[in-house]
Amino acid sequence: MYEFTYARAATLSDALEALAEDDDAILMAGGQTLVPTLKQRLAAPSTILDISRIDALRGISVEGDRVRIGAMTRHVEVAGSGDLRAVLPGLCELAGEIGDPHVRHRGTIGGSIANNDPAADYPGACLALGATISTDRRDLPAEEFFTGLFETALEPGEIVTAVTFPVPERMAYAKFPNPASRYALVGVCVALTADGPRVAVTGSGQEGVFRWTDAEQALARFEPGAIDGLEIDPDLLSSDIHAGADYRAGLIVVMARRAVAAALSR
């Protein structure tokens, strides 16, 4: 690691003030991406600003047909929330499949979406459910928030404060995980919303998470068989040492069928 100063913010105001004073400061939520990046010397910030203990950025609340999750809420808290499971069990199950116990006890939903790793799980749920990402400045629809590989619409000094999910009729997430990292080689989130079916794919797009509109149209008949016969262009997908684009294209169809079946089982 390069030398840096560590600071911990007690309030959101403290964090915003510190960011305004130091353009080279980097926020740390759970540190599950940042710490490995620092170890590999891929980042050299002047200051690491820890915002993980800002209580105002934590917690889960269910209000009518909406669920609000504070940005610093850890994956294990999302997975274990009884209130959330009563209305949106698929999101609890998604959180329970992230990484390993260490990652789930440290990683946060805000850190995950702000990093927008192309193989992360939460971006798929945000896009499929039509979530709203709130920051200290504004509210952004998920489709405007995620802009590319490791890229978001966040501006310098802007902090994610919460994510709000509309409660759908049904929702489920199915992924084919890398056996070592548990990142998604392919993950598909399917939701039956008031506006119809929505399908989001993570782990495979060349530009990161994306909606699969052909599947959404096919799922006007909401059953696993509606996916049969659909294909996705491998040229739109990524290839790496773990899986090629053709393999991922096939997996997307399989994971989509599994997600629909899981959604119908609830």
Protein backbone atom coordinates (compact mmCIF):
# COMPACT_ATOMS: atom_id res chain seq x y z
CA MET A 1 0.00 0.00 0.00
CA TYR A 2 0.96 3.61 -0.45
CA GLU A 3 0.92 5.88 2.57
CA PHE A 4 -2.40 7.55 3.37
CA THR A 5 -4.28 9.21 6.21
CA TYR A 6 -7.22 7.35 7.77
CA ALA A 7 -10.19 9.35 9.04
CA ARG A 8 -13.61 8.28 10.31
CA ALA A 9 -16.69 10.46 9.78
CA ALA A 10 -19.29 10.51 12.56
CA THR A 11 -21.99 12.23 10.51
CA LEU A 12 -22.89 12.78 6.88
CA SER A 13 -22.07 16.47 7.27
CA ASP A 14 -18.59 15.58 8.54
CA ALA A 15 -18.03 13.34 5.52
CA LEU A 16 -19.18 15.95 3.02
CA GLU A 17 -17.00 18.60 4.64
CA ALA A 18 -13.94 16.32 4.53
CA LEU A 19 -14.52 15.51 0.86
CA ALA A 20 -14.85 19.20 0.04
CA GLU A 21 -11.51 19.90 1.69
CA ASP A 22 -9.57 17.06 0.03
CA ASP A 23 -10.11 16.24 -3.65
CA ASP A 24 -7.96 13.12 -3.36
CA ALA A 25 -9.88 11.54 -0.48
CA ILE A 26 -11.66 8.22 -1.12
CA LEU A 27 -14.72 6.99 0.73
CA MET A 28 -14.68 3.60 2.43
CA ALA A 29 -17.94 1.85 3.24
CA GLY A 30 -17.23 -1.81 4.00
CA GLY A 31 -13.83 -1.81 2.30
CA GLN A 32 -14.39 -5.09 0.46
CA THR A 33 -13.29 -3.60 -2.85
CA LEU A 34 -11.15 -0.70 -1.67
CA VAL A 35 -8.79 -2.62 0.60
CA PRO A 36 -7.74 -5.16 -2.09
CA THR A 37 -7.32 -2.25 -4.51
CA LEU A 38 -5.00 -0.51 -2.06
CA LYS A 39 -3.04 -3.72 -1.44
CA GLN A 40 -2.40 -4.03 -5.16
CA ARG A 41 -1.31 -0.38 -5.31
CA LEU A 42 -4.00 0.40 -7.85
CA ALA A 43 -5.06 3.49 -5.88
CA ALA A 44 -3.07 6.09 -3.99
CA PRO A 45 -5.53 8.34 -2.12
CA SER A 46 -4.32 11.00 0.26
CA THR A 47 -7.05 10.09 2.76
CA ILE A 48 -9.32 7.10 3.39
CA LEU A 49 -12.58 8.47 4.78
CA ASP A 50 -14.48 5.73 6.63
CA ILE A 51 -18.25 6.35 6.57
CA SER A 52 -19.31 2.88 7.74
CA ARG A 53 -20.32 4.04 11.24
CA ILE A 54 -22.64 6.88 10.27
CA ASP A 55 -25.82 5.64 11.95
CA ALA A 56 -28.07 7.88 9.85
CA LEU A 57 -26.99 5.90 6.76
CA ARG A 58 -28.00 2.51 8.19
CA GLY A 59 -31.27 0.67 8.64
CA ILE A 60 -34.18 -0.90 6.76
CA SER A 61 -37.70 0.49 6.74
CA VAL A 62 -40.84 -0.80 5.04
CA GLU A 63 -43.44 1.83 4.30
CA GLY A 64 -46.46 0.63 2.34
CA ASP A 65 -45.28 -0.63 -1.03
CA ARG A 66 -41.74 0.71 -0.69
CA VAL A 67 -38.61 -0.49 1.06
CA ARG A 68 -35.86 1.93 2.01
CA ILE A 69 -32.38 0.61 2.85
CA GLY A 70 -29.70 2.92 4.20
CA ALA A 71 -26.48 2.91 2.20
CA MET A 72 -24.32 1.64 5.07
CA THR A 73 -26.59 -1.32 5.80
CA ARG A 74 -24.52 -4.48 5.60
CA HIS A 75 -25.40 -7.44 3.41
CA VAL A 76 -25.92 -9.66 6.45
CA GLU A 77 -28.50 -7.20 7.79
CA VAL A 78 -30.40 -7.22 4.50
CA ALA A 79 -30.29 -11.02 4.40
CA GLY A 80 -31.56 -11.34 7.96
CA SER A 81 -34.26 -8.67 8.07
CA GLY A 82 -37.63 -10.13 9.01
CA ASP A 83 -39.47 -6.98 7.93
CA LEU A 84 -37.83 -7.11 4.51
CA ARG A 85 -38.39 -10.84 4.09
CA ALA A 86 -42.10 -10.36 4.69
CA VAL A 87 -42.46 -8.19 1.57
CA LEU A 88 -39.38 -8.79 -0.60
CA PRO A 89 -37.84 -12.20 0.23
CA GLY A 90 -35.95 -12.36 -3.06
CA LEU A 91 -33.79 -9.41 -2.02
CA CYS A 92 -32.96 -11.12 1.29
CA GLU A 93 -31.90 -14.23 -0.59
CA LEU A 94 -29.79 -12.20 -3.01
CA ALA A 95 -27.94 -10.57 -0.10
CA GLY A 96 -27.39 -13.95 1.54
CA GLU A 97 -25.55 -15.19 -1.56
CA ILE A 98 -23.05 -12.32 -1.75
CA GLY A 99 -19.46 -13.40 -1.22
CA ASP A 100 -18.66 -15.29 1.97
CA PRO A 101 -19.56 -14.57 5.63
CA HIS A 102 -16.69 -12.10 5.98
CA VAL A 103 -17.83 -10.11 2.96
CA ARG A 104 -21.49 -10.17 4.08
CA HIS A 105 -20.59 -8.90 7.55
CA ARG A 106 -18.49 -6.01 6.22
CA GLY A 107 -19.83 -5.12 2.78
CA THR A 108 -22.66 -2.59 2.37
CA ILE A 109 -25.36 -2.04 -0.21
CA GLY A 110 -24.23 1.54 -0.80
CA GLY A 111 -20.63 0.54 -1.32
CA SER A 112 -21.64 -2.17 -3.74
CA ILE A 113 -23.74 0.01 -6.01
CA ALA A 114 -21.34 2.98 -5.84
CA ASN A 115 -18.53 0.70 -7.03
CA ASN A 116 -20.79 -0.87 -9.70
CA ASP A 117 -18.64 -3.93 -10.25
CA PRO A 118 -19.97 -5.61 -13.41
CA ALA A 119 -20.26 -8.92 -11.53
CA ALA A 120 -21.95 -7.52 -8.41
CA ASP A 121 -25.45 -8.66 -7.41
CA TYR A 122 -27.24 -5.56 -6.12
CA PRO A 123 -27.13 -3.62 -9.43
CA GLY A 124 -29.24 -6.36 -11.00
CA ALA A 125 -31.88 -6.03 -8.29
CA CYS A 126 -31.84 -2.24 -8.54
CA LEU A 127 -32.41 -2.33 -12.29
CA ALA A 128 -35.02 -5.11 -12.26
CA LEU A 129 -37.05 -3.54 -9.45
CA GLY A 130 -36.79 0.02 -10.73
CA ALA A 131 -35.04 1.22 -7.58
CA THR A 132 -34.25 4.83 -6.75
CA ILE A 133 -30.76 5.67 -5.48
CA SER A 134 -30.70 8.65 -3.14
CA THR A 135 -27.60 10.76 -2.51
CA ASP A 136 -26.89 13.81 -0.40
CA ARG A 137 -27.94 15.90 -3.44
CA ARG A 138 -30.64 14.10 -5.44
CA ASP A 139 -32.67 10.99 -6.25
CA LEU A 140 -31.66 8.95 -9.30
CA PRO A 141 -33.53 6.11 -11.06
CA ALA A 142 -31.34 3.01 -11.26
CA GLU A 143 -31.30 3.20 -15.05
CA GLU A 144 -29.67 6.63 -14.84
CA PHE A 145 -27.37 5.75 -11.96
CA PHE A 146 -25.47 2.83 -13.55
CA THR A 147 -23.56 4.19 -16.55
CA GLY A 148 -20.90 1.58 -17.39
CA LEU A 149 -18.21 -0.75 -16.05
CA PHE A 150 -17.33 0.52 -12.58
CA GLU A 151 -19.02 3.79 -13.53
CA THR A 152 -22.03 5.62 -12.08
CA ALA A 153 -23.65 9.03 -12.35
CA LEU A 154 -22.14 10.06 -9.01
CA GLU A 155 -20.35 13.38 -9.13
CA PRO A 156 -17.19 14.20 -7.18
CA GLY A 157 -17.96 14.50 -3.47
CA GLU A 158 -21.45 12.99 -3.83
CA ILE A 159 -22.43 10.26 -1.36
CA VAL A 160 -25.05 7.54 -1.73
CA THR A 161 -27.38 7.71 1.27
CA ALA A 162 -30.10 5.12 0.59
CA VAL A 163 -31.74 2.82 -1.94
CA THR A 164 -35.53 2.62 -2.25
CA PHE A 165 -37.16 -0.43 -3.84
CA PRO A 166 -40.80 -0.63 -4.94
CA VAL A 167 -42.32 -3.88 -3.69
CA PRO A 168 -43.18 -6.04 -6.74
CA GLU A 169 -45.76 -8.78 -7.08
CA ARG A 170 -42.94 -11.30 -7.42
CA MET A 171 -39.16 -11.18 -7.59
CA ALA A 172 -36.28 -13.63 -7.58
CA TYR A 173 -32.58 -13.66 -8.42
CA ALA A 174 -30.60 -16.60 -9.78
CA LYS A 175 -26.87 -16.59 -10.35
CA PHE A 176 -24.08 -18.86 -11.44
CA PRO A 177 -21.29 -17.90 -9.05
CA ASN A 178 -17.56 -18.07 -9.47
CA PRO A 179 -16.69 -20.86 -7.02
CA ALA A 180 -13.84 -18.86 -5.48
CA SER A 181 -15.07 -15.27 -5.25
CA ARG A 182 -18.84 -15.95 -5.37
CA TYR A 183 -19.13 -13.08 -7.84
CA ALA A 184 -21.71 -13.72 -10.56
CA LEU A 185 -20.42 -15.21 -13.80
CA VAL A 186 -24.04 -14.61 -14.73
CA GLY A 187 -26.83 -13.32 -12.52
CA VAL A 188 -30.42 -12.69 -13.58
CA CYS A 189 -32.98 -10.80 -11.53
CA VAL A 190 -36.61 -11.15 -12.59
CA ALA A 191 -39.40 -9.01 -11.17
CA LEU A 192 -43.10 -8.87 -11.90
CA THR A 193 -43.92 -5.23 -11.24
CA ALA A 194 -46.98 -3.04 -11.57
CA ASP A 195 -45.63 -2.01 -14.99
CA GLY A 196 -45.03 -5.59 -16.12
CA PRO A 197 -42.04 -7.96 -16.08
CA ARG A 198 -38.52 -6.56 -15.74
CA VAL A 199 -35.37 -8.60 -16.26
CA ALA A 200 -31.85 -7.43 -15.40
CA VAL A 201 -28.60 -9.28 -16.13
CA THR A 202 -25.34 -8.87 -14.25
CA GLY A 203 -21.95 -10.54 -14.50
CA SER A 204 -21.82 -10.64 -18.28
CA GLY A 205 -22.52 -7.36 -20.09
CA GLN A 206 -19.64 -5.56 -21.76
CA GLU A 207 -21.04 -2.33 -20.32
CA GLY A 208 -22.08 -3.81 -16.99
CA VAL A 209 -25.59 -4.53 -15.74
CA PHE A 210 -28.34 -4.31 -18.36
CA ARG A 211 -32.03 -5.05 -18.95
CA TRP A 212 -32.97 -7.96 -21.20
CA THR A 213 -35.99 -6.54 -23.00
CA ASP A 214 -36.65 -9.61 -25.18
CA ALA A 215 -37.18 -11.66 -22.02
CA GLU A 216 -39.42 -8.98 -20.55
CA GLN A 217 -41.69 -9.14 -23.59
CA ALA A 218 -41.74 -12.94 -23.54
CA LEU A 219 -42.66 -12.95 -19.85
CA ALA A 220 -46.03 -11.39 -20.55
CA ARG A 221 -46.78 -15.08 -19.99
CA PHE A 222 -44.99 -15.28 -16.65
CA GLU A 223 -43.69 -18.83 -16.53
CA PRO A 224 -40.27 -20.45 -17.05
CA GLY A 225 -41.22 -21.87 -20.44
CA ALA A 226 -41.71 -18.38 -21.82
CA ILE A 227 -37.91 -18.04 -21.88
CA ASP A 228 -37.45 -21.14 -24.05
CA GLY A 229 -36.14 -20.36 -27.50
CA LEU A 230 -34.81 -16.93 -26.59
CA GLU A 231 -31.22 -16.10 -27.46
CA ILE A 232 -28.95 -13.25 -26.54
CA ASP A 233 -26.21 -11.93 -28.81
CA PRO A 234 -22.79 -13.07 -27.47
CA ASP A 235 -21.23 -9.98 -29.05
CA LEU A 236 -22.90 -7.96 -26.28
CA LEU A 237 -21.29 -10.08 -23.57
CA SER A 238 -17.88 -10.26 -21.96
CA SER A 239 -15.30 -13.04 -22.14
CA ASP A 240 -12.60 -13.70 -19.56
CA ILE A 241 -10.61 -16.55 -18.03
CA HIS A 242 -13.73 -17.75 -16.19
CA ALA A 243 -16.23 -17.95 -19.06
CA GLY A 244 -16.57 -17.04 -22.72
CA ALA A 245 -19.34 -14.92 -24.20
CA ASP A 246 -21.08 -17.91 -25.82
CA TYR A 247 -21.11 -19.77 -22.51
CA ARG A 248 -22.49 -16.74 -20.72
CA ALA A 249 -25.20 -16.34 -23.37
CA GLY A 250 -26.45 -19.83 -22.62
CA LEU A 251 -26.22 -19.32 -18.87
CA ILE A 252 -28.35 -16.18 -19.03
CA VAL A 253 -31.26 -18.18 -20.46
CA VAL A 254 -30.85 -20.90 -17.82
CA MET A 255 -30.60 -18.42 -14.94
CA ALA A 256 -33.61 -16.49 -16.22
CA ARG A 257 -35.73 -19.65 -16.23
CA ARG A 258 -34.59 -20.47 -12.70
CA ALA A 259 -35.37 -16.96 -11.49
CA VAL A 260 -38.89 -17.09 -12.92
CA ALA A 261 -39.49 -20.50 -11.34
CA ALA A 262 -38.22 -19.22 -7.97
CA ALA A 263 -40.43 -16.14 -8.20
CA LEU A 264 -43.50 -18.30 -8.87
CA SER A 265 -42.70 -20.58 -5.93
CA ARG A 266 -43.32 -17.81 -3.40
